[in-house]
Amino acid sequence: MFKTFALAALAALFVTSLTLPAQAQFNPFQRSGFELTQKDIELLVAAAAKLYQGETAEVGTVETWSNETSGNTGAVQLIRVFEHKGLTCRRLQHDIQVSKVANTFRYIFDRCKTESGEWKVL
């Protein structure tokens, strides 16, 4: 139970950091065993954006990213398209493989398009 809560809290920090201006971003994964570089995060965000910003992406579509320098890789899958309070939303599953860790880390986030056209984490 604590591990699930800790991962959820860590995921929330990660998502929050993605919505901040670049100079204010921080890497919530700077802890032993799970470290993503700024370039990893940029690649992850770009892969995800293809799925939630694209109007034609179908459920099941996967975008991958890989950073040769860090050795970290990941896949982002569009797992659901839905509406929430009148907003168009996308549920994305992130599977992240850190080069120095045997296990894959999985995070699931919902993003919704606001009336102003911005995509916000739900």
N, C-alpha and C. Protein backbone atom coordinates (compact mmCIF):
# COMPACT_ATOMS: atom_id res chain seq x y z
N MET A 1 0.83 -1.19 0.00
CA MET A 1 0.00 0.00 0.00
C MET A 1 0.87 1.25 0.00
N PHE A 2 1.89 1.28 0.87
CA PHE A 2 2.76 2.45 0.92
C PHE A 2 3.49 2.65 -0.39
N LYS A 3 3.94 1.52 -1.01
CA LYS A 3 4.67 1.61 -2.28
C LYS A 3 3.77 2.22 -3.35
N THR A 4 2.51 1.80 -3.41
CA THR A 4 1.57 2.35 -4.37
C THR A 4 1.37 3.84 -4.13
N PHE A 5 1.19 4.22 -2.86
CA PHE A 5 1.02 5.64 -2.53
C PHE A 5 2.26 6.43 -2.91
N ALA A 6 3.43 5.90 -2.61
CA ALA A 6 4.68 6.60 -2.92
C ALA A 6 4.84 6.78 -4.42
N LEU A 7 4.52 5.75 -5.20
CA LEU A 7 4.61 5.87 -6.65
C LEU A 7 3.60 6.88 -7.19
N ALA A 8 2.39 6.89 -6.62
CA ALA A 8 1.39 7.87 -7.04
C ALA A 8 1.85 9.29 -6.74
N ALA A 9 2.43 9.49 -5.57
CA ALA A 9 2.93 10.82 -5.21
C ALA A 9 4.07 11.23 -6.13
N LEU A 10 4.95 10.31 -6.43
CA LEU A 10 6.07 10.59 -7.32
C LEU A 10 5.55 10.92 -8.71
N ALA A 11 4.56 10.18 -9.17
CA ALA A 11 3.98 10.45 -10.48
C ALA A 11 3.34 11.84 -10.52
N ALA A 12 2.67 12.22 -9.44
CA ALA A 12 2.06 13.54 -9.39
C ALA A 12 3.12 14.63 -9.48
N LEU A 13 4.22 14.45 -8.79
CA LEU A 13 5.32 15.42 -8.88
C LEU A 13 5.86 15.50 -10.31
N PHE A 14 5.98 14.35 -10.95
CA PHE A 14 6.49 14.31 -12.32
C PHE A 14 5.57 15.07 -13.25
N VAL A 15 4.29 14.80 -13.17
CA VAL A 15 3.33 15.47 -14.03
C VAL A 15 3.35 16.96 -13.79
N THR A 16 3.39 17.36 -12.54
CA THR A 16 3.44 18.78 -12.21
C THR A 16 4.65 19.43 -12.83
N SER A 17 5.78 18.75 -12.80
CA SER A 17 7.01 19.33 -13.35
C SER A 17 6.92 19.50 -14.85
N LEU A 18 6.12 18.67 -15.54
CA LEU A 18 6.00 18.77 -16.98
C LEU A 18 5.22 19.99 -17.42
N THR A 19 4.42 20.54 -16.54
CA THR A 19 3.61 21.69 -16.91
C THR A 19 4.26 23.01 -16.56
N LEU A 20 5.43 22.98 -15.93
CA LEU A 20 6.13 24.19 -15.56
C LEU A 20 7.00 24.69 -16.70
N PRO A 21 7.32 25.99 -16.74
CA PRO A 21 8.25 26.49 -17.74
C PRO A 21 9.58 25.74 -17.62
N ALA A 22 10.30 25.66 -18.74
CA ALA A 22 11.54 24.87 -18.78
C ALA A 22 12.52 25.26 -17.70
N GLN A 23 12.70 26.55 -17.45
CA GLN A 23 13.69 26.94 -16.46
C GLN A 23 13.28 26.57 -15.04
N ALA A 24 12.00 26.33 -14.82
CA ALA A 24 11.53 26.00 -13.48
C ALA A 24 11.37 24.49 -13.29
N GLN A 25 11.59 23.72 -14.35
CA GLN A 25 11.41 22.28 -14.22
C GLN A 25 12.47 21.67 -13.32
N PHE A 26 12.06 20.63 -12.64
CA PHE A 26 13.00 19.85 -11.85
C PHE A 26 12.73 18.39 -12.16
N ASN A 27 13.65 17.56 -11.82
CA ASN A 27 13.50 16.14 -12.10
C ASN A 27 13.14 15.43 -10.80
N PRO A 28 11.88 15.03 -10.62
CA PRO A 28 11.47 14.37 -9.39
C PRO A 28 12.05 12.97 -9.26
N PHE A 29 12.73 12.49 -10.29
CA PHE A 29 13.28 11.15 -10.26
C PHE A 29 14.73 11.11 -9.79
N GLN A 30 15.23 12.18 -9.23
CA GLN A 30 16.61 12.20 -8.75
C GLN A 30 16.70 11.50 -7.40
N ARG A 31 16.54 10.21 -7.45
CA ARG A 31 16.70 9.37 -6.28
C ARG A 31 17.37 8.10 -6.74
N SER A 32 17.92 7.39 -5.86
CA SER A 32 18.66 6.19 -6.20
C SER A 32 17.81 5.21 -7.00
N GLY A 33 18.32 4.81 -8.16
CA GLY A 33 17.67 3.78 -8.94
C GLY A 33 16.74 4.28 -10.02
N PHE A 34 16.26 5.49 -9.93
CA PHE A 34 15.32 6.00 -10.94
C PHE A 34 15.68 7.43 -11.27
N GLU A 35 16.56 7.57 -12.22
CA GLU A 35 17.01 8.92 -12.58
C GLU A 35 16.81 9.14 -14.06
N LEU A 36 16.04 10.18 -14.38
CA LEU A 36 15.86 10.58 -15.76
C LEU A 36 16.60 11.90 -15.96
N THR A 37 17.27 12.02 -17.08
CA THR A 37 17.96 13.26 -17.40
C THR A 37 16.95 14.25 -17.97
N GLN A 38 17.36 15.49 -18.09
CA GLN A 38 16.50 16.51 -18.71
C GLN A 38 16.16 16.08 -20.14
N LYS A 39 17.13 15.52 -20.85
CA LYS A 39 16.89 15.05 -22.22
C LYS A 39 15.88 13.91 -22.24
N ASP A 40 15.96 12.99 -21.26
CA ASP A 40 14.97 11.91 -21.16
C ASP A 40 13.57 12.49 -21.05
N ILE A 41 13.42 13.47 -20.18
CA ILE A 41 12.12 14.09 -19.95
C ILE A 41 11.63 14.79 -21.22
N GLU A 42 12.52 15.48 -21.92
CA GLU A 42 12.14 16.14 -23.17
C GLU A 42 11.65 15.11 -24.19
N LEU A 43 12.35 14.00 -24.30
CA LEU A 43 11.96 12.94 -25.24
C LEU A 43 10.62 12.32 -24.84
N LEU A 44 10.43 12.07 -23.55
CA LEU A 44 9.19 11.51 -23.02
C LEU A 44 8.02 12.45 -23.31
N VAL A 45 8.20 13.73 -23.04
CA VAL A 45 7.15 14.73 -23.26
C VAL A 45 6.79 14.82 -24.75
N ALA A 46 7.81 14.81 -25.61
CA ALA A 46 7.56 14.89 -27.05
C ALA A 46 6.78 13.67 -27.55
N ALA A 47 7.14 12.49 -27.07
CA ALA A 47 6.42 11.27 -27.46
C ALA A 47 4.97 11.32 -27.01
N ALA A 48 4.74 11.75 -25.79
CA ALA A 48 3.38 11.84 -25.25
C ALA A 48 2.56 12.87 -26.01
N ALA A 49 3.17 14.01 -26.33
CA ALA A 49 2.45 15.09 -27.02
C ALA A 49 1.91 14.63 -28.37
N LYS A 50 2.62 13.74 -29.05
CA LYS A 50 2.13 13.22 -30.33
C LYS A 50 0.80 12.50 -30.16
N LEU A 51 0.60 11.92 -28.99
CA LEU A 51 -0.62 11.15 -28.74
C LEU A 51 -1.77 12.01 -28.21
N TYR A 52 -1.47 12.94 -27.31
CA TYR A 52 -2.60 13.69 -26.76
C TYR A 52 -2.94 14.92 -27.58
N GLN A 53 -2.01 15.44 -28.37
CA GLN A 53 -2.32 16.60 -29.19
C GLN A 53 -2.89 16.21 -30.55
N GLY A 54 -2.55 15.03 -31.02
CA GLY A 54 -3.03 14.59 -32.32
C GLY A 54 -4.49 14.19 -32.28
N GLU A 55 -5.24 14.68 -33.23
CA GLU A 55 -6.67 14.36 -33.28
C GLU A 55 -6.90 12.98 -33.91
N THR A 56 -5.88 12.44 -34.59
CA THR A 56 -6.08 11.19 -35.31
C THR A 56 -5.53 9.97 -34.59
N ALA A 57 -4.82 10.15 -33.50
CA ALA A 57 -4.25 9.00 -32.79
C ALA A 57 -5.38 8.11 -32.27
N GLU A 58 -5.24 6.83 -32.53
CA GLU A 58 -6.25 5.86 -32.09
C GLU A 58 -5.80 5.18 -30.81
N VAL A 59 -6.78 4.73 -30.03
CA VAL A 59 -6.46 3.97 -28.82
C VAL A 59 -5.58 2.79 -29.23
N GLY A 60 -4.52 2.58 -28.47
CA GLY A 60 -3.58 1.51 -28.77
C GLY A 60 -2.31 2.00 -29.45
N THR A 61 -2.33 3.23 -29.97
CA THR A 61 -1.15 3.79 -30.62
C THR A 61 -0.03 3.97 -29.61
N VAL A 62 1.19 3.62 -30.02
CA VAL A 62 2.36 3.70 -29.14
C VAL A 62 3.42 4.58 -29.78
N GLU A 63 3.99 5.46 -28.98
CA GLU A 63 5.16 6.26 -29.37
C GLU A 63 6.29 5.86 -28.44
N THR A 64 7.47 5.69 -29.00
CA THR A 64 8.62 5.31 -28.19
C THR A 64 9.65 6.43 -28.16
N TRP A 65 10.51 6.38 -27.16
CA TRP A 65 11.62 7.32 -27.07
C TRP A 65 12.83 6.57 -26.54
N SER A 66 14.00 7.08 -26.87
CA SER A 66 15.24 6.44 -26.44
C SER A 66 16.33 7.50 -26.38
N ASN A 67 17.10 7.47 -25.31
CA ASN A 67 18.22 8.39 -25.15
C ASN A 67 19.50 7.57 -25.12
N GLU A 68 20.27 7.63 -26.20
CA GLU A 68 21.50 6.85 -26.30
C GLU A 68 22.51 7.25 -25.23
N THR A 69 22.50 8.51 -24.84
CA THR A 69 23.47 8.99 -23.85
C THR A 69 23.21 8.39 -22.47
N SER A 70 21.96 8.42 -22.01
CA SER A 70 21.64 7.90 -20.68
C SER A 70 21.37 6.40 -20.70
N GLY A 71 20.97 5.88 -21.86
CA GLY A 71 20.59 4.48 -21.96
C GLY A 71 19.15 4.22 -21.54
N ASN A 72 18.42 5.27 -21.19
CA ASN A 72 17.02 5.14 -20.77
C ASN A 72 16.11 5.14 -21.99
N THR A 73 15.02 4.38 -21.89
CA THR A 73 14.06 4.28 -22.98
C THR A 73 12.65 4.29 -22.42
N GLY A 74 11.70 4.46 -23.30
CA GLY A 74 10.32 4.42 -22.85
C GLY A 74 9.35 4.27 -23.98
N ALA A 75 8.12 3.97 -23.61
CA ALA A 75 7.02 3.87 -24.56
C ALA A 75 5.81 4.55 -23.92
N VAL A 76 5.08 5.26 -24.75
CA VAL A 76 3.85 5.91 -24.31
C VAL A 76 2.73 5.36 -25.17
N GLN A 77 1.67 4.90 -24.52
CA GLN A 77 0.54 4.33 -25.25
C GLN A 77 -0.73 5.09 -24.92
N LEU A 78 -1.50 5.41 -25.96
CA LEU A 78 -2.82 6.01 -25.77
C LEU A 78 -3.76 4.88 -25.40
N ILE A 79 -4.27 4.91 -24.18
CA ILE A 79 -5.11 3.79 -23.74
C ILE A 79 -6.59 4.15 -23.61
N ARG A 80 -6.91 5.45 -23.70
CA ARG A 80 -8.32 5.82 -23.62
C ARG A 80 -8.52 7.24 -24.12
N VAL A 81 -9.61 7.46 -24.85
CA VAL A 81 -10.05 8.79 -25.26
C VAL A 81 -11.43 8.97 -24.64
N PHE A 82 -11.62 10.09 -23.94
CA PHE A 82 -12.89 10.28 -23.25
C PHE A 82 -13.15 11.77 -23.04
N GLU A 83 -14.33 12.07 -22.52
CA GLU A 83 -14.68 13.44 -22.15
C GLU A 83 -14.86 13.51 -20.65
N HIS A 84 -14.41 14.62 -20.08
CA HIS A 84 -14.57 14.87 -18.65
C HIS A 84 -15.03 16.32 -18.49
N LYS A 85 -16.23 16.49 -17.98
CA LYS A 85 -16.81 17.81 -17.78
C LYS A 85 -16.76 18.64 -19.06
N GLY A 86 -17.06 17.99 -20.17
CA GLY A 86 -17.11 18.67 -21.46
C GLY A 86 -15.76 18.87 -22.14
N LEU A 87 -14.68 18.39 -21.53
CA LEU A 87 -13.35 18.53 -22.11
C LEU A 87 -12.92 17.24 -22.79
N THR A 88 -12.24 17.36 -23.90
CA THR A 88 -11.66 16.20 -24.58
C THR A 88 -10.44 15.75 -23.80
N CYS A 89 -10.37 14.44 -23.50
CA CYS A 89 -9.27 13.93 -22.67
C CYS A 89 -8.63 12.70 -23.29
N ARG A 90 -7.39 12.48 -22.89
CA ARG A 90 -6.62 11.32 -23.32
C ARG A 90 -5.96 10.69 -22.10
N ARG A 91 -6.01 9.37 -21.99
CA ARG A 91 -5.30 8.65 -20.93
C ARG A 91 -4.07 8.01 -21.57
N LEU A 92 -2.91 8.32 -21.01
CA LEU A 92 -1.64 7.82 -21.53
C LEU A 92 -0.95 6.95 -20.51
N GLN A 93 -0.40 5.84 -20.98
CA GLN A 93 0.38 4.95 -20.13
C GLN A 93 1.85 5.08 -20.52
N HIS A 94 2.67 5.41 -19.55
CA HIS A 94 4.11 5.56 -19.76
C HIS A 94 4.82 4.35 -19.15
N ASP A 95 5.57 3.64 -19.97
CA ASP A 95 6.43 2.56 -19.48
C ASP A 95 7.87 3.03 -19.68
N ILE A 96 8.59 3.16 -18.58
CA ILE A 96 9.94 3.72 -18.60
C ILE A 96 10.94 2.67 -18.13
N GLN A 97 11.96 2.47 -18.94
CA GLN A 97 13.02 1.54 -18.59
C GLN A 97 14.29 2.34 -18.33
N VAL A 98 14.71 2.35 -17.09
CA VAL A 98 15.94 3.03 -16.69
C VAL A 98 17.08 2.04 -16.87
N SER A 99 18.16 2.49 -17.48
CA SER A 99 19.24 1.58 -17.88
C SER A 99 19.84 0.78 -16.73
N LYS A 100 19.85 1.33 -15.52
CA LYS A 100 20.49 0.66 -14.40
C LYS A 100 19.52 -0.11 -13.51
N VAL A 101 18.27 -0.24 -13.95
CA VAL A 101 17.23 -0.89 -13.14
C VAL A 101 16.57 -1.99 -13.96
N ALA A 102 16.37 -3.14 -13.36
CA ALA A 102 15.79 -4.28 -14.07
C ALA A 102 14.30 -4.08 -14.36
N ASN A 103 13.57 -3.48 -13.44
CA ASN A 103 12.12 -3.34 -13.58
C ASN A 103 11.75 -2.15 -14.45
N THR A 104 10.63 -2.28 -15.14
CA THR A 104 10.05 -1.18 -15.90
C THR A 104 9.12 -0.41 -14.97
N PHE A 105 9.17 0.91 -15.04
CA PHE A 105 8.29 1.76 -14.24
C PHE A 105 7.10 2.16 -15.11
N ARG A 106 5.89 2.07 -14.56
CA ARG A 106 4.67 2.40 -15.30
C ARG A 106 3.91 3.52 -14.58
N TYR A 107 3.54 4.52 -15.37
CA TYR A 107 2.75 5.64 -14.87
C TYR A 107 1.61 5.89 -15.85
N ILE A 108 0.44 6.22 -15.33
CA ILE A 108 -0.72 6.50 -16.16
C ILE A 108 -1.24 7.89 -15.80
N PHE A 109 -1.41 8.72 -16.85
CA PHE A 109 -1.85 10.10 -16.65
C PHE A 109 -3.01 10.41 -17.59
N ASP A 110 -3.92 11.26 -17.14
CA ASP A 110 -4.99 11.79 -17.98
C ASP A 110 -4.67 13.24 -18.27
N ARG A 111 -4.82 13.62 -19.53
CA ARG A 111 -4.66 15.02 -19.94
C ARG A 111 -5.94 15.43 -20.65
N CYS A 112 -6.39 16.65 -20.34
CA CYS A 112 -7.60 17.17 -20.96
C CYS A 112 -7.31 18.51 -21.60
N LYS A 113 -7.98 18.76 -22.72
CA LYS A 113 -7.80 20.01 -23.46
C LYS A 113 -8.77 21.05 -22.92
N THR A 114 -8.21 22.14 -22.41
CA THR A 114 -9.03 23.20 -21.84
C THR A 114 -9.67 24.03 -22.95
N GLU A 115 -10.59 24.91 -22.56
CA GLU A 115 -11.25 25.78 -23.53
C GLU A 115 -10.25 26.69 -24.25
N SER A 116 -9.13 27.01 -23.59
CA SER A 116 -8.11 27.86 -24.21
C SER A 116 -7.20 27.08 -25.14
N GLY A 117 -7.37 25.74 -25.20
CA GLY A 117 -6.57 24.92 -26.09
C GLY A 117 -5.34 24.29 -25.45
N GLU A 118 -5.11 24.55 -24.18
CA GLU A 118 -3.98 23.94 -23.48
C GLU A 118 -4.37 22.54 -22.98
N TRP A 119 -3.38 21.66 -22.96
CA TRP A 119 -3.59 20.32 -22.41
C TRP A 119 -3.09 20.32 -20.99
N LYS A 120 -3.97 20.01 -20.07
CA LYS A 120 -3.64 19.99 -18.63
C LYS A 120 -3.81 18.58 -18.07
N VAL A 121 -3.01 18.27 -17.09
CA VAL A 121 -3.14 17.00 -16.40
C VAL A 121 -4.39 17.06 -15.54
N LEU A 122 -5.19 16.02 -15.63
CA LEU A 122 -6.46 15.97 -14.87
C LEU A 122 -6.20 15.73 -13.42
